[in-house]
PDB file of all heavy atoms in Angstrom:
ATOM      1  N   LEU A   1       4.723 -45.866 163.560  1.00  0.00           N
ATOM      2  CA  LEU A   1       4.146 -45.685 162.231  1.00  0.00           C
ATOM      3  C   LEU A   1       2.948 -44.746 162.206  1.00  0.00           C
ATOM      4  O   LEU A   1       2.816 -43.934 161.281  1.00  0.00           O
ATOM      5  CB  LEU A   1       3.766 -47.055 161.646  1.00  0.00           C
ATOM      6  CG  LEU A   1       3.327 -47.053 160.182  1.00  0.00           C
ATOM      7  CD1 LEU A   1       4.452 -46.535 159.295  1.00  0.00           C
ATOM      8  CD2 LEU A   1       2.927 -48.462 159.747  1.00  0.00           C
ATOM      9  N   PRO A   2       2.038 -44.799 163.206  1.00  0.00           N
ATOM     10  CA  PRO A   2       0.886 -43.886 163.163  1.00  0.00           C
ATOM     11  C   PRO A   2       1.269 -42.411 163.122  1.00  0.00           C
ATOM     12  O   PRO A   2       0.573 -41.604 162.501  1.00  0.00           O
ATOM     13  CB  PRO A   2       0.127 -44.225 164.456  1.00  0.00           C
ATOM     14  CG  PRO A   2       0.496 -45.625 164.748  1.00  0.00           C
ATOM     15  CD  PRO A   2       1.922 -45.745 164.320  1.00  0.00           C
ATOM     16  N   VAL A   3       2.354 -42.039 163.781  1.00  0.00           N
ATOM     17  CA  VAL A   3       2.775 -40.632 163.800  1.00  0.00           C
ATOM     18  C   VAL A   3       3.149 -40.161 162.395  1.00  0.00           C
ATOM     19  O   VAL A   3       2.751 -39.077 161.945  1.00  0.00           O
ATOM     20  CB  VAL A   3       3.962 -40.436 164.761  1.00  0.00           C
ATOM     21  CG1 VAL A   3       4.444 -38.997 164.715  1.00  0.00           C
ATOM     22  CG2 VAL A   3       3.566 -40.828 166.181  1.00  0.00           C
ATOM     23  N   LEU A   4       3.897 -40.992 161.691  1.00  0.00           N
ATOM     24  CA  LEU A   4       4.332 -40.628 160.339  1.00  0.00           C
ATOM     25  C   LEU A   4       3.153 -40.569 159.377  1.00  0.00           C
ATOM     26  O   LEU A   4       3.022 -39.638 158.575  1.00  0.00           O
ATOM     27  CB  LEU A   4       5.367 -41.644 159.843  1.00  0.00           C
ATOM     28  CG  LEU A   4       6.648 -41.765 160.670  1.00  0.00           C
ATOM     29  CD1 LEU A   4       7.537 -42.876 160.125  1.00  0.00           C
ATOM     30  CD2 LEU A   4       7.403 -40.444 160.671  1.00  0.00           C
ATOM     31  N   SER A   5       2.276 -41.558 159.452  1.00  0.00           N
ATOM     32  CA  SER A   5       1.162 -41.614 158.504  1.00  0.00           C
ATOM     33  C   SER A   5       0.144 -40.505 158.745  1.00  0.00           C
ATOM     34  O   SER A   5      -0.484 -40.014 157.802  1.00  0.00           O
ATOM     35  CB  SER A   5       0.472 -42.982 158.587  1.00  0.00           C
ATOM     36  OG  SER A   5      -0.004 -43.217 159.896  1.00  0.00           O
ATOM     37  N   SER A   6      -0.028 -40.076 160.000  1.00  0.00           N
ATOM     38  CA  SER A   6      -0.976 -39.000 160.285  1.00  0.00           C
ATOM     39  C   SER A   6      -0.537 -37.695 159.645  1.00  0.00           C
ATOM     40  O   SER A   6      -1.358 -36.877 159.223  1.00  0.00           O
ATOM     41  CB  SER A   6      -1.156 -38.819 161.799  1.00  0.00           C
ATOM     42  OG  SER A   6       0.072 -38.443 162.405  1.00  0.00           O
ATOM     43  N   LEU A   7       0.782 -37.496 159.558  1.00  0.00           N
ATOM     44  CA  LEU A   7       1.284 -36.303 158.885  1.00  0.00           C
ATOM     45  C   LEU A   7       0.921 -36.313 157.406  1.00  0.00           C
ATOM     46  O   LEU A   7       0.522 -35.285 156.836  1.00  0.00           O
ATOM     47  CB  LEU A   7       2.805 -36.218 159.043  1.00  0.00           C
ATOM     48  CG  LEU A   7       3.328 -36.015 160.472  1.00  0.00           C
ATOM     49  CD1 LEU A   7       4.854 -36.068 160.485  1.00  0.00           C
ATOM     50  CD2 LEU A   7       2.842 -34.686 161.030  1.00  0.00           C
ATOM     51  N   LEU A   8       0.996 -37.479 156.783  1.00  0.00           N
ATOM     52  CA  LEU A   8       0.647 -37.599 155.369  1.00  0.00           C
ATOM     53  C   LEU A   8      -0.838 -37.384 155.152  1.00  0.00           C
ATOM     54  O   LEU A   8      -1.259 -36.688 154.221  1.00  0.00           O
ATOM     55  CB  LEU A   8       1.069 -38.981 154.844  1.00  0.00           C
ATOM     56  CG  LEU A   8       2.576 -39.266 154.839  1.00  0.00           C
ATOM     57  CD1 LEU A   8       2.836 -40.702 154.376  1.00  0.00           C
ATOM     58  CD2 LEU A   8       3.289 -38.283 153.920  1.00  0.00           C
ATOM     59  N   LEU A   9      -1.661 -37.978 156.021  1.00  0.00           N
ATOM     60  CA  LEU A   9      -3.105 -37.811 155.897  1.00  0.00           C
ATOM     61  C   LEU A   9      -3.503 -36.363 156.114  1.00  0.00           C
ATOM     62  O   LEU A   9      -4.341 -35.814 155.386  1.00  0.00           O
ATOM     63  CB  LEU A   9      -3.830 -38.710 156.913  1.00  0.00           C
ATOM     64  CG  LEU A   9      -5.364 -38.613 156.925  1.00  0.00           C
ATOM     65  CD1 LEU A   9      -5.933 -39.006 155.567  1.00  0.00           C
ATOM     66  CD2 LEU A   9      -5.947 -39.490 158.029  1.00  0.00           C
ATOM     67  N   GLY A  10      -2.906 -35.708 157.107  1.00  0.00           N
ATOM     68  CA  GLY A  10      -3.208 -34.308 157.368  1.00  0.00           C
ATOM     69  C   GLY A  10      -2.814 -33.419 156.199  1.00  0.00           C
ATOM     70  O   GLY A  10      -3.566 -32.525 155.811  1.00  0.00           O
ATOM     71  N   TYR A  11      -1.671 -33.692 155.604  1.00  0.00           N
ATOM     72  CA  TYR A  11      -1.227 -32.908 154.449  1.00  0.00           C
ATOM     73  C   TYR A  11      -2.182 -33.101 153.277  1.00  0.00           C
ATOM     74  O   TYR A  11      -2.542 -32.130 152.594  1.00  0.00           O
ATOM     75  CB  TYR A  11       0.183 -33.332 154.053  1.00  0.00           C
ATOM     76  CG  TYR A  11       0.688 -32.648 152.800  1.00  0.00           C
ATOM     77  CD1 TYR A  11       1.194 -31.347 152.849  1.00  0.00           C
ATOM     78  CD2 TYR A  11       0.639 -33.298 151.569  1.00  0.00           C
ATOM     79  CE1 TYR A  11       1.643 -30.711 151.699  1.00  0.00           C
ATOM     80  CE2 TYR A  11       1.088 -32.674 150.415  1.00  0.00           C
ATOM     81  CZ  TYR A  11       1.585 -31.383 150.487  1.00  0.00           C
ATOM     82  OH  TYR A  11       2.018 -30.769 149.341  1.00  0.00           O
ATOM     83  N   PHE A  12      -2.604 -34.337 153.040  1.00  0.00           N
ATOM     84  CA  PHE A  12      -3.520 -34.609 151.927  1.00  0.00           C
ATOM     85  C   PHE A  12      -4.862 -33.909 152.148  1.00  0.00           C
ATOM     86  O   PHE A  12      -5.461 -33.373 151.213  1.00  0.00           O
ATOM     87  CB  PHE A  12      -3.730 -36.112 151.781  1.00  0.00           C
ATOM     88  CG  PHE A  12      -4.574 -36.488 150.594  1.00  0.00           C
ATOM     89  CD1 PHE A  12      -4.013 -36.535 149.326  1.00  0.00           C
ATOM     90  CD2 PHE A  12      -5.919 -36.775 150.739  1.00  0.00           C
ATOM     91  CE1 PHE A  12      -4.788 -36.873 148.219  1.00  0.00           C
ATOM     92  CE2 PHE A  12      -6.697 -37.111 149.648  1.00  0.00           C
ATOM     93  CZ  PHE A  12      -6.127 -37.164 148.378  1.00  0.00           C
ATOM     94  N   ALA A  13      -5.339 -33.917 153.400  1.00  0.00           N
ATOM     95  CA  ALA A  13      -6.613 -33.261 153.701  1.00  0.00           C
ATOM     96  C   ALA A  13      -6.522 -31.758 153.476  1.00  0.00           C
ATOM     97  O   ALA A  13      -7.468 -31.126 152.988  1.00  0.00           O
ATOM     98  CB  ALA A  13      -7.025 -33.560 155.146  1.00  0.00           C
ATOM     99  N   LEU A  14      -5.370 -31.158 153.818  1.00  0.00           N
ATOM    100  CA  LEU A  14      -5.186 -29.729 153.595  1.00  0.00           C
ATOM    101  C   LEU A  14      -5.147 -29.391 152.106  1.00  0.00           C
ATOM    102  O   LEU A  14      -5.704 -28.382 151.668  1.00  0.00           O
ATOM    103  CB  LEU A  14      -3.872 -29.267 154.248  1.00  0.00           C
ATOM    104  CG  LEU A  14      -3.899 -29.059 155.767  1.00  0.00           C
ATOM    105  CD1 LEU A  14      -2.486 -28.806 156.267  1.00  0.00           C
ATOM    106  CD2 LEU A  14      -4.792 -27.897 156.137  1.00  0.00           C
ATOM    107  N   ALA A  15      -4.490 -30.251 151.337  1.00  0.00           N
ATOM    108  CA  ALA A  15      -4.341 -29.983 149.908  1.00  0.00           C
ATOM    109  C   ALA A  15      -5.606 -30.316 149.114  1.00  0.00           C
ATOM    110  O   ALA A  15      -5.806 -29.782 148.019  1.00  0.00           O
ATOM    111  CB  ALA A  15      -3.157 -30.782 149.361  1.00  0.00           C
ATOM    112  N   ASN A  16      -6.462 -31.190 149.651  1.00  0.00           N
ATOM    113  CA  ASN A  16      -7.668 -31.620 148.933  1.00  0.00           C
ATOM    114  C   ASN A  16      -8.877 -31.561 149.862  1.00  0.00           C
ATOM    115  O   ASN A  16      -9.446 -32.596 150.227  1.00  0.00           O
ATOM    116  CB  ASN A  16      -7.483 -33.051 148.409  1.00  0.00           C
ATOM    117  CG  ASN A  16      -6.266 -33.190 147.520  1.00  0.00           C
ATOM    118  OD1 ASN A  16      -6.324 -32.969 146.319  1.00  0.00           O
ATOM    119  ND2 ASN A  16      -5.140 -33.565 148.128  1.00  0.00           N
ATOM    120  N   PRO A  17      -9.302 -30.383 150.261  1.00  0.00           N
ATOM    121  CA  PRO A  17     -10.360 -30.263 151.266  1.00  0.00           C
ATOM    122  C   PRO A  17     -11.719 -30.823 150.830  1.00  0.00           C
ATOM    123  O   PRO A  17     -12.516 -31.217 151.674  1.00  0.00           O
ATOM    124  CB  PRO A  17     -10.456 -28.747 151.488  1.00  0.00           C
ATOM    125  CG  PRO A  17      -9.906 -28.151 150.236  1.00  0.00           C
ATOM    126  CD  PRO A  17      -8.829 -29.084 149.793  1.00  0.00           C
ATOM    127  N   ASP A  18     -12.009 -30.863 149.514  1.00  0.00           N
ATOM    128  CA  ASP A  18     -13.315 -31.335 149.044  1.00  0.00           C
ATOM    129  C   ASP A  18     -13.306 -32.795 148.626  1.00  0.00           C
ATOM    130  O   ASP A  18     -14.356 -33.337 148.254  1.00  0.00           O
ATOM    131  CB  ASP A  18     -13.789 -30.477 147.854  1.00  0.00           C
ATOM    132  CG  ASP A  18     -13.936 -29.018 148.235  1.00  0.00           C
ATOM    133  OD1 ASP A  18     -14.351 -28.753 149.380  1.00  0.00           O
ATOM    134  OD2 ASP A  18     -13.639 -28.147 147.399  1.00  0.00           O
ATOM    135  N   PHE A  19     -12.145 -33.428 148.674  1.00  0.00           N
ATOM    136  CA  PHE A  19     -12.050 -34.802 148.179  1.00  0.00           C
ATOM    137  C   PHE A  19     -12.975 -35.749 148.942  1.00  0.00           C
ATOM    138  O   PHE A  19     -13.718 -36.540 148.349  1.00  0.00           O
ATOM    139  CB  PHE A  19     -10.602 -35.280 148.279  1.00  0.00           C
ATOM    140  CG  PHE A  19     -10.402 -36.718 147.900  1.00  0.00           C
ATOM    141  CD1 PHE A  19     -10.326 -37.083 146.568  1.00  0.00           C
ATOM    142  CD2 PHE A  19     -10.285 -37.703 148.875  1.00  0.00           C
ATOM    143  CE1 PHE A  19     -10.147 -38.417 146.207  1.00  0.00           C
ATOM    144  CE2 PHE A  19     -10.103 -39.030 148.529  1.00  0.00           C
ATOM    145  CZ  PHE A  19     -10.039 -39.392 147.189  1.00  0.00           C
ATOM    146  N   PHE A  20     -12.952 -35.674 150.273  1.00  0.00           N
ATOM    147  CA  PHE A  20     -13.681 -36.638 151.095  1.00  0.00           C
ATOM    148  C   PHE A  20     -15.185 -36.356 151.135  1.00  0.00           C
ATOM    149  O   PHE A  20     -15.985 -37.277 151.314  1.00  0.00           O
ATOM    150  CB  PHE A  20     -13.098 -36.647 152.512  1.00  0.00           C
ATOM    151  CG  PHE A  20     -11.650 -37.022 152.554  1.00  0.00           C
ATOM    152  CD1 PHE A  20     -10.666 -36.048 152.597  1.00  0.00           C
ATOM    153  CD2 PHE A  20     -11.253 -38.350 152.538  1.00  0.00           C
ATOM    154  CE1 PHE A  20      -9.317 -36.385 152.629  1.00  0.00           C
ATOM    155  CE2 PHE A  20      -9.909 -38.697 152.570  1.00  0.00           C
ATOM    156  CZ  PHE A  20      -8.939 -37.712 152.612  1.00  0.00           C
ATOM    157  N   THR A  21     -15.579 -35.102 150.994  1.00  0.00           N
ATOM    158  CA  THR A  21     -16.999 -34.768 151.082  1.00  0.00           C
ATOM    159  C   THR A  21     -17.756 -35.063 149.793  1.00  0.00           C
ATOM    160  O   THR A  21     -18.981 -34.952 149.766  1.00  0.00           O
ATOM    161  CB  THR A  21     -17.174 -33.280 151.433  1.00  0.00           C
ATOM    162  OG1 THR A  21     -16.491 -32.480 150.457  1.00  0.00           O
ATOM    163  CG2 THR A  21     -16.610 -32.990 152.809  1.00  0.00           C
ATOM    164  N   SER A  22     -17.049 -35.433 148.748  1.00  0.00           N
ATOM    165  CA  SER A  22     -17.697 -35.701 147.462  1.00  0.00           C
ATOM    166  C   SER A  22     -17.987 -37.184 147.240  1.00  0.00           C
ATOM    167  O   SER A  22     -18.419 -37.576 146.157  1.00  0.00           O
ATOM    168  CB  SER A  22     -16.827 -35.175 146.312  1.00  0.00           C
ATOM    169  OG  SER A  22     -15.568 -35.838 146.287  1.00  0.00           O
ATOM    170  N   PHE A  23     -17.764 -38.012 148.246  1.00  0.00           N
ATOM    171  CA  PHE A  23     -17.996 -39.447 148.097  1.00  0.00           C
ATOM    172  C   PHE A  23     -19.467 -39.749 147.864  1.00  0.00           C
ATOM    173  O   PHE A  23     -20.348 -39.177 148.525  1.00  0.00           O
ATOM    174  CB  PHE A  23     -17.545 -40.205 149.354  1.00  0.00           C
ATOM    175  CG  PHE A  23     -16.061 -40.282 149.531  1.00  0.00           C
ATOM    176  CD1 PHE A  23     -15.522 -40.607 150.771  1.00  0.00           C
ATOM    177  CD2 PHE A  23     -15.197 -40.043 148.483  1.00  0.00           C
ATOM    178  CE1 PHE A  23     -14.152 -40.687 150.952  1.00  0.00           C
ATOM    179  CE2 PHE A  23     -13.827 -40.112 148.644  1.00  0.00           C
ATOM    180  CZ  PHE A  23     -13.300 -40.441 149.889  1.00  0.00           C
ATOM    181  N   ASN A  24     -19.752 -40.718 146.978  1.00  0.00           N
ATOM    182  CA  ASN A  24     -21.104 -41.271 146.893  1.00  0.00           C
ATOM    183  C   ASN A  24     -21.211 -42.426 147.885  1.00  0.00           C
ATOM    184  O   ASN A  24     -20.269 -42.698 148.640  1.00  0.00           O
ATOM    185  CB  ASN A  24     -21.431 -41.716 145.461  1.00  0.00           C
ATOM    186  CG  ASN A  24     -20.454 -42.774 144.938  1.00  0.00           C
ATOM    187  OD1 ASN A  24     -19.968 -43.617 145.693  1.00  0.00           O
ATOM    188  ND2 ASN A  24     -20.164 -42.734 143.634  1.00  0.00           N
ATOM    189  N   ALA A  25     -22.340 -43.131 147.887  1.00  0.00           N
ATOM    190  CA  ALA A  25     -22.581 -44.169 148.900  1.00  0.00           C
ATOM    191  C   ALA A  25     -21.537 -45.282 148.824  1.00  0.00           C
ATOM    192  O   ALA A  25     -20.985 -45.711 149.850  1.00  0.00           O
ATOM    193  CB  ALA A  25     -23.977 -44.748 148.732  1.00  0.00           C
ATOM    194  N   LEU A  26     -21.263 -45.763 147.611  1.00  0.00           N
ATOM    195  CA  LEU A  26     -20.301 -46.845 147.455  1.00  0.00           C
ATOM    196  C   LEU A  26     -18.905 -46.400 147.866  1.00  0.00           C
ATOM    197  O   LEU A  26     -18.179 -47.139 148.547  1.00  0.00           O
ATOM    198  CB  LEU A  26     -20.290 -47.331 146.004  1.00  0.00           C
ATOM    199  CG  LEU A  26     -19.268 -48.438 145.668  1.00  0.00           C
ATOM    200  CD1 LEU A  26     -19.523 -49.668 146.522  1.00  0.00           C
ATOM    201  CD2 LEU A  26     -19.308 -48.770 144.182  1.00  0.00           C
ATOM    202  N   GLU A  27     -18.526 -45.211 147.467  1.00  0.00           N
ATOM    203  CA  GLU A  27     -17.203 -44.697 147.815  1.00  0.00           C
ATOM    204  C   GLU A  27     -17.063 -44.507 149.318  1.00  0.00           C
ATOM    205  O   GLU A  27     -15.975 -44.718 149.887  1.00  0.00           O
ATOM    206  CB  GLU A  27     -16.952 -43.382 147.083  1.00  0.00           C
ATOM    207  CG  GLU A  27     -16.755 -43.552 145.584  1.00  0.00           C
ATOM    208  CD  GLU A  27     -16.772 -42.234 144.830  1.00  0.00           C
ATOM    209  OE1 GLU A  27     -17.327 -41.241 145.376  1.00  0.00           O
ATOM    210  OE2 GLU A  27     -16.259 -42.182 143.702  1.00  0.00           O
ATOM    211  N   SER A  28     -18.161 -44.136 149.991  1.00  0.00           N
ATOM    212  CA  SER A  28     -18.131 -43.990 151.446  1.00  0.00           C
ATOM    213  C   SER A  28     -17.889 -45.336 152.124  1.00  0.00           C
ATOM    214  O   SER A  28     -17.111 -45.434 153.080  1.00  0.00           O
ATOM    215  CB  SER A  28     -19.442 -43.384 151.949  1.00  0.00           C
ATOM    216  OG  SER A  28     -19.596 -42.065 151.486  1.00  0.00           O
ATOM    217  N   VAL A  29     -18.567 -46.370 151.613  1.00  0.00           N
ATOM    218  CA  VAL A  29     -18.370 -47.713 152.170  1.00  0.00           C
ATOM    219  C   VAL A  29     -16.919 -48.152 151.988  1.00  0.00           C
ATOM    220  O   VAL A  29     -16.291 -48.675 152.918  1.00  0.00           O
ATOM    221  CB  VAL A  29     -19.324 -48.726 151.506  1.00  0.00           C
ATOM    222  CG1 VAL A  29     -18.966 -50.153 151.921  1.00  0.00           C
ATOM    223  CG2 VAL A  29     -20.762 -48.420 151.868  1.00  0.00           C
TER     224      VAL A  29
END
């Protein structure tokens, strides 16, 4: 399962490069 899910996470990160860096404190937690 980790192999399949890592492909999805990698694709999402490529398509949304600013999504994760825009978290506020609560969203980070």
